[in-house]
Amino acid sequence: MTPPVSGAGGGDKHAEKSQEAAAVVHPSDPISQSIGEFGRWQFLLTFLLSLVNFPCTFHIFAPTFEGAQRDFWCARPDGLSMPVDQWKNVSGIFDLDKVKYG
């Protein structure tokens, strides 16, 4: 195949690239043809929607931080003569192995 001859000199390369681009065969997918290529607009929408959706994922990670083992109990009221281990069990941290009924 012989390249087209033109007097401008620089237009031949552009014409060849246009012909090569037109010759590339893309699979005929009707959905891809209707929505187009993934460009700057699609990237911007994907990025903005990701920013909006990011805070919604914290409920997935909440048990990781809220379910951690802690050694915490409420302060005993003044005048209560109860051992610390028993008060821990009554005031919030429940250790079912050490629960005493009655």
N, C-alpha and C. Protein backbone atom coordinates (compact mmCIF):
# COMPACT_ATOMS: atom_id res chain seq x y z
N MET A 1 0.85 -1.17 0.00
CA MET A 1 0.00 0.00 0.00
C MET A 1 0.88 1.23 0.00
N THR A 2 0.65 2.11 -0.90
CA THR A 2 1.46 3.33 -1.00
C THR A 2 0.74 4.45 -0.29
N PRO A 3 1.51 5.26 0.46
CA PRO A 3 0.89 6.37 1.19
C PRO A 3 0.41 7.44 0.23
N PRO A 4 -0.64 8.15 0.60
CA PRO A 4 -1.14 9.21 -0.25
C PRO A 4 -0.14 10.35 -0.35
N VAL A 5 -0.11 10.99 -1.48
CA VAL A 5 0.83 12.09 -1.73
C VAL A 5 0.09 13.39 -1.52
N SER A 6 0.73 14.28 -0.74
CA SER A 6 0.15 15.60 -0.56
C SER A 6 1.24 16.64 -0.59
N GLY A 7 0.89 17.84 -0.91
CA GLY A 7 1.87 18.91 -1.01
C GLY A 7 2.18 19.54 0.32
N ALA A 8 1.38 19.32 1.39
CA ALA A 8 1.57 19.99 2.68
C ALA A 8 2.72 19.37 3.46
N GLY A 9 3.00 18.14 3.27
CA GLY A 9 4.13 17.50 3.96
C GLY A 9 3.77 16.93 5.30
N GLY A 10 3.10 17.69 6.19
CA GLY A 10 2.81 17.21 7.54
C GLY A 10 1.45 16.56 7.66
N GLY A 11 0.57 16.68 6.67
CA GLY A 11 -0.77 16.15 6.76
C GLY A 11 -0.84 14.66 6.53
N ASP A 12 0.21 14.06 5.96
CA ASP A 12 0.20 12.63 5.67
C ASP A 12 0.13 11.79 6.95
N LYS A 13 0.86 12.18 7.97
CA LYS A 13 0.89 11.41 9.22
C LYS A 13 -0.48 11.42 9.89
N HIS A 14 -1.12 12.58 9.86
CA HIS A 14 -2.44 12.69 10.49
C HIS A 14 -3.46 11.85 9.72
N ALA A 15 -3.39 11.87 8.43
CA ALA A 15 -4.32 11.08 7.61
C ALA A 15 -4.11 9.59 7.83
N GLU A 16 -2.85 9.17 7.95
CA GLU A 16 -2.55 7.75 8.18
C GLU A 16 -3.07 7.30 9.54
N LYS A 17 -2.90 8.14 10.57
CA LYS A 17 -3.39 7.78 11.91
C LYS A 17 -4.91 7.68 11.92
N SER A 18 -5.58 8.57 11.19
CA SER A 18 -7.04 8.52 11.13
C SER A 18 -7.51 7.25 10.45
N GLN A 19 -6.79 6.86 9.38
CA GLN A 19 -7.18 5.64 8.68
C GLN A 19 -6.93 4.41 9.55
N GLU A 20 -5.81 4.40 10.29
CA GLU A 20 -5.50 3.27 11.17
C GLU A 20 -6.53 3.18 12.31
N ALA A 21 -6.92 4.32 12.84
CA ALA A 21 -7.90 4.32 13.92
C ALA A 21 -9.25 3.82 13.43
N ALA A 22 -9.60 4.18 12.20
CA ALA A 22 -10.88 3.73 11.64
C ALA A 22 -10.85 2.24 11.33
N ALA A 23 -9.64 1.70 11.07
CA ALA A 23 -9.53 0.29 10.71
C ALA A 23 -9.56 -0.63 11.93
N VAL A 24 -9.37 -0.10 13.15
CA VAL A 24 -9.37 -0.93 14.35
C VAL A 24 -10.78 -1.44 14.59
N VAL A 25 -10.90 -2.75 14.75
CA VAL A 25 -12.21 -3.37 14.94
C VAL A 25 -12.45 -3.58 16.44
N HIS A 26 -13.53 -2.99 16.94
CA HIS A 26 -13.92 -3.17 18.33
C HIS A 26 -15.06 -4.18 18.37
N PRO A 27 -15.13 -4.94 19.45
CA PRO A 27 -16.25 -5.88 19.55
C PRO A 27 -17.57 -5.10 19.59
N SER A 28 -18.57 -5.65 18.94
CA SER A 28 -19.85 -4.94 18.88
C SER A 28 -20.68 -5.28 20.12
N ASP A 29 -20.50 -4.48 21.14
CA ASP A 29 -21.25 -4.61 22.38
C ASP A 29 -22.22 -3.44 22.43
N PRO A 30 -23.52 -3.68 22.39
CA PRO A 30 -24.47 -2.57 22.32
C PRO A 30 -24.42 -1.67 23.56
N ILE A 31 -24.13 -2.23 24.71
CA ILE A 31 -24.07 -1.40 25.92
C ILE A 31 -22.85 -0.49 25.87
N SER A 32 -21.70 -1.03 25.49
CA SER A 32 -20.49 -0.21 25.39
C SER A 32 -20.65 0.87 24.34
N GLN A 33 -21.32 0.55 23.26
CA GLN A 33 -21.53 1.55 22.22
C GLN A 33 -22.46 2.66 22.69
N SER A 34 -23.44 2.33 23.51
CA SER A 34 -24.39 3.35 23.95
C SER A 34 -23.81 4.24 25.05
N ILE A 35 -22.99 3.68 25.96
CA ILE A 35 -22.45 4.51 27.04
C ILE A 35 -21.12 5.14 26.68
N GLY A 36 -20.42 4.61 25.70
CA GLY A 36 -19.17 5.21 25.26
C GLY A 36 -17.97 4.70 26.03
N GLU A 37 -16.87 5.37 25.84
CA GLU A 37 -15.59 5.00 26.46
C GLU A 37 -15.53 5.49 27.90
N PHE A 38 -14.56 4.98 28.66
CA PHE A 38 -14.32 5.45 30.02
C PHE A 38 -13.36 6.63 29.91
N GLY A 39 -13.89 7.81 30.10
CA GLY A 39 -13.10 9.03 29.93
C GLY A 39 -13.04 9.83 31.20
N ARG A 40 -12.76 11.12 31.02
CA ARG A 40 -12.60 12.03 32.15
C ARG A 40 -13.92 12.19 32.93
N TRP A 41 -15.03 12.28 32.23
CA TRP A 41 -16.33 12.44 32.88
C TRP A 41 -16.67 11.22 33.73
N GLN A 42 -16.44 10.02 33.21
CA GLN A 42 -16.74 8.80 33.96
C GLN A 42 -15.82 8.69 35.18
N PHE A 43 -14.58 9.10 35.03
CA PHE A 43 -13.66 9.07 36.17
C PHE A 43 -14.12 10.05 37.24
N LEU A 44 -14.54 11.24 36.83
CA LEU A 44 -15.01 12.24 37.79
C LEU A 44 -16.24 11.73 38.54
N LEU A 45 -17.20 11.15 37.84
CA LEU A 45 -18.39 10.61 38.51
C LEU A 45 -18.04 9.47 39.46
N THR A 46 -17.16 8.58 39.02
CA THR A 46 -16.75 7.46 39.88
C THR A 46 -16.07 7.98 41.14
N PHE A 47 -15.20 8.96 40.98
CA PHE A 47 -14.47 9.52 42.12
C PHE A 47 -15.42 10.22 43.10
N LEU A 48 -16.34 11.04 42.58
CA LEU A 48 -17.27 11.75 43.45
C LEU A 48 -18.22 10.79 44.18
N LEU A 49 -18.70 9.79 43.48
CA LEU A 49 -19.58 8.82 44.14
C LEU A 49 -18.83 7.99 45.18
N SER A 50 -17.55 7.73 44.94
CA SER A 50 -16.75 7.02 45.94
C SER A 50 -16.58 7.86 47.19
N LEU A 51 -16.40 9.17 47.03
CA LEU A 51 -16.28 10.04 48.20
C LEU A 51 -17.56 10.06 49.01
N VAL A 52 -18.70 10.05 48.32
CA VAL A 52 -19.98 10.06 49.02
C VAL A 52 -20.21 8.72 49.72
N ASN A 53 -19.78 7.63 49.12
CA ASN A 53 -20.02 6.31 49.66
C ASN A 53 -19.03 5.92 50.75
N PHE A 54 -17.90 6.59 50.84
CA PHE A 54 -16.86 6.24 51.82
C PHE A 54 -17.36 6.25 53.26
N PRO A 55 -18.08 7.29 53.72
CA PRO A 55 -18.55 7.27 55.11
C PRO A 55 -19.55 6.15 55.40
N CYS A 56 -20.25 5.68 54.39
CA CYS A 56 -21.24 4.63 54.60
C CYS A 56 -20.60 3.29 54.95
N THR A 57 -19.32 3.13 54.69
CA THR A 57 -18.67 1.86 54.97
C THR A 57 -18.19 1.73 56.41
N PHE A 58 -18.31 2.79 57.20
CA PHE A 58 -17.81 2.71 58.57
C PHE A 58 -18.62 1.74 59.43
N HIS A 59 -19.89 1.51 59.11
CA HIS A 59 -20.66 0.55 59.89
C HIS A 59 -20.12 -0.86 59.72
N ILE A 60 -19.40 -1.11 58.64
CA ILE A 60 -18.79 -2.42 58.44
C ILE A 60 -17.59 -2.60 59.38
N PHE A 61 -16.85 -1.51 59.60
CA PHE A 61 -15.67 -1.58 60.45
C PHE A 61 -15.96 -1.35 61.92
N ALA A 62 -17.17 -0.92 62.27
CA ALA A 62 -17.50 -0.59 63.66
C ALA A 62 -17.26 -1.75 64.62
N PRO A 63 -17.65 -2.99 64.33
CA PRO A 63 -17.41 -4.07 65.30
C PRO A 63 -15.93 -4.29 65.59
N THR A 64 -15.08 -3.96 64.65
CA THR A 64 -13.65 -4.13 64.88
C THR A 64 -13.18 -3.26 66.03
N PHE A 65 -13.68 -2.02 66.08
CA PHE A 65 -13.23 -1.09 67.11
C PHE A 65 -14.10 -1.13 68.36
N GLU A 66 -15.39 -1.37 68.18
CA GLU A 66 -16.29 -1.39 69.33
C GLU A 66 -16.27 -2.71 70.08
N GLY A 67 -15.87 -3.77 69.43
CA GLY A 67 -15.89 -5.08 70.05
C GLY A 67 -14.57 -5.48 70.70
N ALA A 68 -13.64 -4.55 70.78
CA ALA A 68 -12.34 -4.86 71.38
C ALA A 68 -12.49 -5.13 72.88
N GLN A 69 -11.67 -6.00 73.42
CA GLN A 69 -11.70 -6.30 74.84
C GLN A 69 -11.17 -5.10 75.63
N ARG A 70 -11.95 -4.66 76.62
CA ARG A 70 -11.56 -3.52 77.44
C ARG A 70 -11.68 -3.90 78.90
N ASP A 71 -10.85 -3.33 79.69
CA ASP A 71 -10.94 -3.51 81.14
C ASP A 71 -11.51 -2.22 81.71
N PHE A 72 -12.82 -2.09 81.66
CA PHE A 72 -13.51 -0.87 82.05
C PHE A 72 -14.70 -1.22 82.94
N TRP A 73 -14.89 -0.42 83.95
CA TRP A 73 -16.06 -0.57 84.79
C TRP A 73 -16.40 0.78 85.41
N CYS A 74 -17.62 0.92 85.84
CA CYS A 74 -18.07 2.17 86.44
C CYS A 74 -17.52 2.28 87.87
N ALA A 75 -17.41 3.51 88.33
CA ALA A 75 -16.89 3.75 89.68
C ALA A 75 -17.93 3.26 90.70
N ARG A 76 -17.42 2.70 91.79
CA ARG A 76 -18.32 2.22 92.84
C ARG A 76 -18.88 3.40 93.62
N PRO A 77 -20.14 3.34 93.99
CA PRO A 77 -20.72 4.41 94.81
C PRO A 77 -20.09 4.41 96.21
N ASP A 78 -20.08 5.58 96.81
CA ASP A 78 -19.53 5.68 98.17
C ASP A 78 -20.38 4.86 99.14
N GLY A 79 -19.73 4.19 100.03
CA GLY A 79 -20.42 3.42 101.06
C GLY A 79 -20.82 2.02 100.62
N LEU A 80 -20.47 1.60 99.41
CA LEU A 80 -20.80 0.26 98.96
C LEU A 80 -19.64 -0.67 99.31
N SER A 81 -19.93 -1.68 100.09
CA SER A 81 -18.87 -2.60 100.50
C SER A 81 -18.98 -3.88 99.67
N MET A 82 -18.55 -3.77 98.42
CA MET A 82 -18.61 -4.90 97.50
C MET A 82 -17.20 -5.09 96.95
N PRO A 83 -16.71 -6.31 96.85
CA PRO A 83 -15.38 -6.54 96.28
C PRO A 83 -15.29 -6.02 94.83
N VAL A 84 -14.11 -5.60 94.43
CA VAL A 84 -13.89 -5.01 93.11
C VAL A 84 -14.27 -6.00 92.00
N ASP A 85 -13.90 -7.26 92.14
CA ASP A 85 -14.23 -8.24 91.10
C ASP A 85 -15.73 -8.38 90.92
N GLN A 86 -16.47 -8.39 92.02
CA GLN A 86 -17.92 -8.50 91.93
C GLN A 86 -18.52 -7.22 91.34
N TRP A 87 -17.97 -6.06 91.72
CA TRP A 87 -18.47 -4.79 91.18
C TRP A 87 -18.22 -4.69 89.67
N LYS A 88 -17.08 -5.17 89.20
CA LYS A 88 -16.81 -5.18 87.76
C LYS A 88 -17.87 -5.99 87.03
N ASN A 89 -18.24 -7.10 87.62
CA ASN A 89 -19.21 -7.98 86.98
C ASN A 89 -20.61 -7.34 86.98
N VAL A 90 -20.93 -6.57 87.99
CA VAL A 90 -22.24 -5.95 88.09
C VAL A 90 -22.32 -4.67 87.24
N SER A 91 -21.23 -3.95 87.12
CA SER A 91 -21.29 -2.60 86.53
C SER A 91 -20.98 -2.54 85.04
N GLY A 92 -20.83 -3.62 84.36
CA GLY A 92 -20.67 -3.47 82.92
C GLY A 92 -19.89 -4.55 82.22
N ILE A 93 -18.79 -4.99 82.76
CA ILE A 93 -18.01 -6.05 82.12
C ILE A 93 -18.50 -7.37 82.70
N PHE A 94 -19.12 -8.15 81.89
CA PHE A 94 -19.70 -9.39 82.38
C PHE A 94 -18.79 -10.55 82.03
N ASP A 95 -18.34 -11.24 83.03
CA ASP A 95 -17.53 -12.44 82.84
C ASP A 95 -18.41 -13.61 83.27
N LEU A 96 -18.98 -14.29 82.31
CA LEU A 96 -19.97 -15.32 82.62
C LEU A 96 -19.38 -16.50 83.39
N ASP A 97 -18.06 -16.67 83.33
CA ASP A 97 -17.45 -17.76 84.08
C ASP A 97 -17.44 -17.46 85.59
N LYS A 98 -17.43 -16.18 85.94
CA LYS A 98 -17.32 -15.80 87.34
C LYS A 98 -18.64 -15.30 87.94
N VAL A 99 -19.72 -15.43 87.20
CA VAL A 99 -21.01 -14.94 87.71
C VAL A 99 -21.47 -15.83 88.85
N LYS A 100 -21.86 -15.19 89.96
CA LYS A 100 -22.39 -15.92 91.11
C LYS A 100 -23.83 -15.46 91.33
N TYR A 101 -24.72 -16.41 91.32
CA TYR A 101 -26.13 -16.11 91.53
C TYR A 101 -26.49 -16.44 92.97
N GLY A 102 -27.04 -15.46 93.69
CA GLY A 102 -27.57 -15.68 95.03
C GLY A 102 -26.57 -15.71 96.04
